[in-house]
C-alpha atoms as a PDB file:
ATOM      1  CA  MET A   1      29.030  17.468 -29.095  1.00  0.00           C
ATOM      2  CA  ASN A   2      31.377  14.894 -30.327  1.00  0.00           C
ATOM      3  CA  THR A   3      29.041  11.932 -31.807  1.00  0.00           C
ATOM      4  CA  PRO A   4      30.939   8.546 -32.584  1.00  0.00           C
ATOM      5  CA  MET A   5      32.333   7.510 -35.729  1.00  0.00           C
ATOM      6  CA  ILE A   6      31.999   3.639 -36.744  1.00  0.00           C
ATOM      7  CA  LEU A   7      33.414   2.951 -40.130  1.00  0.00           C
ATOM      8  CA  GLY A   8      33.900   6.450 -40.664  1.00  0.00           C
ATOM      9  CA  LEU A   9      30.159   7.045 -40.215  1.00  0.00           C
ATOM     10  CA  THR A  10      28.389   8.555 -37.872  1.00  0.00           C
ATOM     11  CA  GLU A  11      25.342   6.323 -35.434  1.00  0.00           C
ATOM     12  CA  PRO A  12      22.784   7.479 -37.222  1.00  0.00           C
ATOM     13  CA  GLU A  13      24.042   7.021 -40.157  1.00  0.00           C
ATOM     14  CA  PHE A  14      25.533   3.427 -39.504  1.00  0.00           C
ATOM     15  CA  ALA A  15      22.467   2.193 -37.944  1.00  0.00           C
ATOM     16  CA  GLU A  16      20.188   3.306 -41.131  1.00  0.00           C
ATOM     17  CA  LEU A  17      22.658   1.909 -43.810  1.00  0.00           C
ATOM     18  CA  CYS A  18      22.452  -1.473 -41.539  1.00  0.00           C
ATOM     19  CA  LEU A  19      18.862  -1.523 -41.141  1.00  0.00           C
ATOM     20  CA  LYS A  20      18.191  -1.122 -45.030  1.00  0.00           C
ATOM     21  CA  PHE A  21      21.106  -3.845 -45.640  1.00  0.00           C
ATOM     22  CA  LEU A  22      19.972  -6.321 -42.716  1.00  0.00           C
ATOM     23  CA  LEU A  23      16.229  -5.579 -43.410  1.00  0.00           C
ATOM     24  CA  SER A  24      16.613  -6.452 -47.018  1.00  0.00           C
ATOM     25  CA  GLY A  25      18.547  -9.807 -46.509  1.00  0.00           C
ATOM     26  CA  LEU A  26      15.865 -10.423 -44.174  1.00  0.00           C
ATOM     27  CA  ILE A  27      13.526 -10.079 -46.085  1.00  0.00           C
ATOM     28  CA  ALA A  28      14.823 -11.753 -48.762  1.00  0.00           C
ATOM     29  CA  TYR A  29      15.355 -15.296 -46.453  1.00  0.00           C
ATOM     30  CA  MET A  30      12.170 -14.950 -45.733  1.00  0.00           C
ATOM     31  CA  VAL A  31      10.570 -15.003 -49.114  1.00  0.00           C
ATOM     32  CA  PHE A  32      12.830 -18.671 -49.222  1.00  0.00           C
ATOM     33  CA  ILE A  33      11.106 -19.510 -46.634  1.00  0.00           C
ATOM     34  CA  ILE A  34       7.355 -18.611 -47.651  1.00  0.00           C
ATOM     35  CA  TRP A  35       8.734 -21.216 -51.080  1.00  0.00           C
ATOM     36  CA  ARG A  36      10.255 -23.636 -49.004  1.00  0.00           C
ATOM     37  CA  LEU A  37       7.140 -24.106 -47.155  1.00  0.00           C
ATOM     38  CA  ALA A  38       5.078 -23.664 -50.264  1.00  0.00           C
ATOM     39  CA  THR A  39       6.877 -26.408 -51.911  1.00  0.00           C
ATOM     40  CA  GLU A  40       7.019 -29.088 -48.744  1.00  0.00           C
ATOM     41  CA  SER A  41       3.467 -28.973 -48.012  1.00  0.00           C
ATOM     42  CA  ARG A  42       2.936 -29.098 -52.075  1.00  0.00           C
ATOM     43  CA  ALA A  43       0.218 -25.993 -51.923  1.00  0.00           C
ATOM     44  CA  GLY A  44       0.141 -25.768 -55.051  1.00  0.00           C
ATOM     45  CA  ARG A  45       0.141 -22.924 -57.624  1.00  0.00           C
ATOM     46  CA  TYR A  46      -3.211 -21.531 -56.165  1.00  0.00           C
ATOM     47  CA  GLY A  47      -1.906 -22.586 -52.631  1.00  0.00           C
ATOM     48  CA  ALA A  48       1.762 -21.370 -52.585  1.00  0.00           C
ATOM     49  CA  PHE A  49      -0.321 -17.351 -53.788  1.00  0.00           C
ATOM     50  CA  TRP A  50      -2.057 -17.243 -50.450  1.00  0.00           C
ATOM     51  CA  LEU A  51       1.285 -18.655 -48.329  1.00  0.00           C
ATOM     52  CA  PHE A  52       2.988 -15.250 -50.158  1.00  0.00           C
ATOM     53  CA  PHE A  53       0.117 -12.894 -49.774  1.00  0.00           C
ATOM     54  CA  ALA A  54      -0.913 -13.871 -46.441  1.00  0.00           C
ATOM     55  CA  LEU A  55       2.902 -13.355 -45.384  1.00  0.00           C
ATOM     56  CA  GLY A  56       4.052 -11.487 -46.948  1.00  0.00           C
ATOM     57  CA  LEU A  57       1.802  -8.663 -46.432  1.00  0.00           C
ATOM     58  CA  GLY A  58       3.673  -7.787 -43.205  1.00  0.00           C
ATOM     59  CA  MET A  59       6.846  -7.363 -45.728  1.00  0.00           C
ATOM     60  CA  PHE A  60       4.848  -5.494 -48.212  1.00  0.00           C
ATOM     61  CA  GLY A  61       3.928  -2.883 -45.286  1.00  0.00           C
ATOM     62  CA  PHE A  62       7.411  -2.382 -44.481  1.00  0.00           C
ATOM     63  CA  ILE A  63       9.212  -1.684 -48.196  1.00  0.00           C
ATOM     64  CA  ALA A  64       5.305   0.642 -48.377  1.00  0.00           C
ATOM     65  CA  LYS A  65       6.010   2.665 -45.138  1.00  0.00           C
ATOM     66  CA  GLU A  66      10.240   3.742 -46.971  1.00  0.00           C
ATOM     67  CA  LEU A  67       8.596   4.706 -50.276  1.00  0.00           C
ATOM     68  CA  VAL A  68       5.371   6.767 -48.292  1.00  0.00           C
ATOM     69  CA  ILE A  69       8.327   8.513 -46.084  1.00  0.00           C
ATOM     70  CA  LYS A  70      10.779   9.200 -48.935  1.00  0.00           C
ATOM     71  CA  MET A  71       7.469  10.477 -50.599  1.00  0.00           C
ATOM     72  CA  LEU A  72       7.143  13.223 -48.269  1.00  0.00           C
ATOM     73  CA  SER A  73      10.400  14.066 -47.822  1.00  0.00           C
ATOM     74  CA  SER A  74      10.928  15.003 -51.452  1.00  0.00           C
ATOM     75  CA  GLN A  75       7.830  17.469 -51.602  1.00  0.00           C
END
């Protein structure tokens, strides 16, 4: 079967590479948005902590899922 090539990579390799880089950029941008939300609302340290904790929990889940996949695939 002839798999399509994108920039010298097969489609699954390209998709995995884009997923990791683009989602990492999106996570960094979301951290910036949370920080800006905390500063503009004058949440203080305690409020900023809860903003990062509550809104960052989803990002942590994505990162943890990737770590679990790597740990299970290495065994």
